Amino acid sequence: MNILRKERQEAVIAALVEGTSIRSTERMTGIHRDTIIRLLLRVGQGCASLLDSSMHNLKCETVQVDEIWCYVGKKQRHLKETDNIEVLGDQWVFVAIDAKSKLVP
C-alpha cells in the first residue's frame, strides 16, 4: 500500500477544511478522489476518537441551543403515501454551543 507524504496529506486536509470539494481537491493536488476520501475517513475517525476521549465533565456555563430545518429528498408537502416518511421530508437538527468557548458538545 502506498502512503502519501505528510506534506501532501496536509495539503489535501487544508483544502477540504477550507470548503473545497473532493473533485476540486483532486484537480488541485493531483491525488485521486478515492485516496482523498480514504484520508478524509481516517482523519474523521481520529477526530471522533479524540473528541470521545476528551469531551467529559465539561464546565459549560451558558449553552445556546438552536435548530436547523432542512429537507431530505423532497419537502414534506410533496411527500406521497408511497414515500418512506422515516427518511424523506422535513428534518430538524438541534445544535448546542457553549457561548463562551464556542465548543459544540
Protein backbone atom coordinates (compact mmCIF):
# COMPACT_ATOMS: atom_id res chain seq x y z
CA MET A 1 0.00 0.00 0.00
CA ASN A 2 1.32 3.44 -0.90
CA ILE A 3 1.19 6.15 1.75
CA LEU A 4 1.03 9.83 0.83
CA ARG A 5 3.81 12.00 2.17
CA LYS A 6 2.77 14.07 5.16
CA GLU A 7 3.02 17.34 3.17
CA ARG A 8 0.58 16.04 0.56
CA GLN A 9 -1.82 14.80 3.26
CA GLU A 10 -1.71 18.23 4.88
CA ALA A 11 -2.43 19.90 1.53
CA VAL A 12 -5.48 17.70 1.00
CA ILE A 13 -6.85 18.26 4.52
CA ALA A 14 -6.20 22.02 4.30
CA ALA A 15 -8.16 22.21 1.04
CA LEU A 16 -11.07 20.22 2.46
CA VAL A 17 -11.18 22.30 5.66
CA GLU A 18 -11.41 25.45 3.52
CA GLY A 19 -14.54 24.02 1.90
CA THR A 20 -13.07 22.81 -1.38
CA SER A 21 -14.94 19.90 -2.93
CA ILE A 22 -13.34 16.49 -3.25
CA ARG A 23 -13.15 16.72 -7.04
CA SER A 24 -11.62 20.22 -6.87
CA THR A 25 -9.10 18.95 -4.33
CA GLU A 26 -8.31 16.12 -6.73
CA ARG A 27 -7.64 18.60 -9.54
CA MET A 28 -5.57 20.91 -7.31
CA THR A 29 -3.38 18.23 -5.75
CA GLY A 30 -3.30 15.54 -8.43
CA ILE A 31 -4.35 12.95 -5.84
CA HIS A 32 -7.15 10.56 -6.83
CA ARG A 33 -10.52 11.17 -5.17
CA ASP A 34 -10.67 7.65 -3.73
CA THR A 35 -7.40 8.34 -1.91
CA ILE A 36 -8.78 11.68 -0.70
CA ILE A 37 -11.92 10.01 0.63
CA ARG A 38 -9.88 7.32 2.43
CA LEU A 39 -7.72 10.03 4.01
CA LEU A 40 -10.83 12.02 4.97
CA LEU A 41 -12.37 8.94 6.59
CA ARG A 42 -9.16 8.20 8.54
CA VAL A 43 -8.87 11.81 9.77
CA GLY A 44 -12.57 11.86 10.69
CA GLN A 45 -12.23 8.67 12.72
CA GLY A 46 -9.22 10.17 14.51
CA CYS A 47 -11.20 13.33 15.31
CA ALA A 48 -14.12 11.27 16.61
CA SER A 49 -11.79 9.23 18.81
CA LEU A 50 -10.14 12.39 20.17
CA LEU A 51 -13.47 14.02 20.98
CA ASP A 52 -14.90 10.83 22.51
CA SER A 53 -11.91 10.58 24.85
CA SER A 54 -11.75 14.26 25.84
CA MET A 55 -15.34 15.53 25.99
CA HIS A 56 -16.15 14.59 29.59
CA ASN A 57 -17.13 16.69 32.61
CA LEU A 58 -17.39 19.87 30.59
CA LYS A 59 -17.88 23.08 32.53
CA CYS A 60 -20.16 24.95 30.14
CA GLU A 61 -21.73 27.92 31.92
CA THR A 62 -24.03 29.17 29.16
CA VAL A 63 -25.23 26.85 26.44
CA GLN A 64 -27.12 28.18 23.44
CA VAL A 65 -29.34 25.74 21.57
CA ASP A 66 -30.69 26.26 18.08
CA GLU A 67 -32.46 24.19 15.49
CA ILE A 68 -31.77 23.87 11.81
CA TRP A 69 -34.56 22.91 9.42
CA CYS A 70 -33.83 21.10 6.19
CA TYR A 71 -35.47 18.56 3.95
CA VAL A 72 -34.23 15.26 2.62
CA GLY A 73 -35.27 14.18 -0.86
CA LYS A 74 -38.31 16.43 -1.02
CA LYS A 75 -40.25 18.84 1.13
CA GLN A 76 -42.91 17.45 3.47
CA ARG A 77 -45.79 18.86 1.42
CA HIS A 78 -44.62 16.95 -1.67
CA LEU A 79 -44.48 13.53 0.01
CA LYS A 80 -46.77 10.83 -1.35
CA GLU A 81 -48.35 7.95 0.54
CA THR A 82 -45.84 5.58 -1.08
CA ASP A 83 -42.81 7.57 0.18
CA ASN A 84 -40.90 6.41 3.23
CA ILE A 85 -41.63 9.18 5.74
CA GLU A 86 -38.92 7.84 8.06
CA VAL A 87 -36.14 9.01 5.72
CA LEU A 88 -37.75 11.63 3.45
CA GLY A 89 -39.22 15.05 4.10
CA ASP A 90 -38.66 17.68 6.75
CA GLN A 91 -35.75 17.09 9.12
CA TRP A 92 -34.67 19.03 12.20
CA VAL A 93 -31.12 19.18 13.54
CA PHE A 94 -30.59 20.56 17.04
CA VAL A 95 -27.22 22.11 17.87
CA ALA A 96 -25.89 23.19 21.26
CA ILE A 97 -22.89 25.51 21.62
CA ASP A 98 -21.09 26.88 24.65
CA ALA A 99 -21.42 30.66 24.35
CA LYS A 100 -18.01 31.42 25.84
CA SER A 101 -15.68 28.80 24.34
CA LYS A 102 -17.72 28.15 21.14
CA LEU A 103 -17.41 24.43 21.86
CA VAL A 104 -20.14 22.24 20.35
CA PRO A 105 -20.62 19.50 22.93
